[in-house]
């Protein structure tokens, strides 16, 4: 993911290359544990010209020359790839390009120097959970069977998705009396719960596939949400067609709804203003900010002690 300027096209990003710009820094977002795109030590216009005696100097966030360091792939044409990108690798990558311009008539040589700055940020995909809302009709709000039914429903749903290392959390319900024009006073249970991907054992699954942990977790919770959706679709037919005695509590047709809820891992957060080009990403918290939990935003440190990327505390 790279911040595209007017002179940069999608084709250039497709070739896994991001060009510099002498007018401003270029923001680049690299998913943790993957390789960055090639950062090109020149702008797009210069790349179309012949360059005489080019020399490239790349400096990393720690201020050290990147030449010869094991975690980078530095080509002879000045392209830099940071490999196995980790949180600590976030920061400013600067390249100085020096080259000669030779006057065609006098053959006079002039040394030219251009500097390019790339701000490279680690990011993760957001963790998904699903907020589920559903309603059931009941004969009265004061029935003890209401709470027993909700507990039993929670057990059934949990067992349905347990093999996906997902579980039901934050389950709650309220009973409301509802006056309807045709049927008079009725009572309904408004049920809410969260389909959460972090059931006991999820970390063991994650450790087997550390490089795409969020991808695996998000795929599992999506499957869990789909199974729950299918359950309520079938429940409608079961209560209508297969239960001979009219049950005390019945599913309200078309009351099932599901909303995705995002969260970020500690040390990461979303910032639509700072990281517009990666607005859906959980981007590493910058220096002076931190995130101690699964909130969506990085907090500002009260004291300016946290000078590193990805801080979980100040």
Foldseek 3Di string as FASTA:
>chain_A
DWDDDPVDDVVCVVQLEDEFDLVDAIEFEDEAQAKHRWYAFHHPVCVVDDFAPKDKFKAFQVRDTPPPDDQWDADPRGIIMGHNDDQQRFAKIKMKIWTWDADPPPRDIDIDIGMGIYGYWYWHFWAKKKKKKFKKWAADQPDPVVVVVQVVVQVVLQVQQVVLLKHKPPKDWDKDWDQDPPPGITIMIIIIIMTGLHHPPLVVVCVVPVRRSRVSSNVSNVVSVVSVVVVVVVQQCCQVPVDPDNDRMGTDPPRIDMDMDTWAAWQWAADCVVCVVPRSIGIGAAQQWTAQGGHHHTHGDPDRPRHGTSHNHD
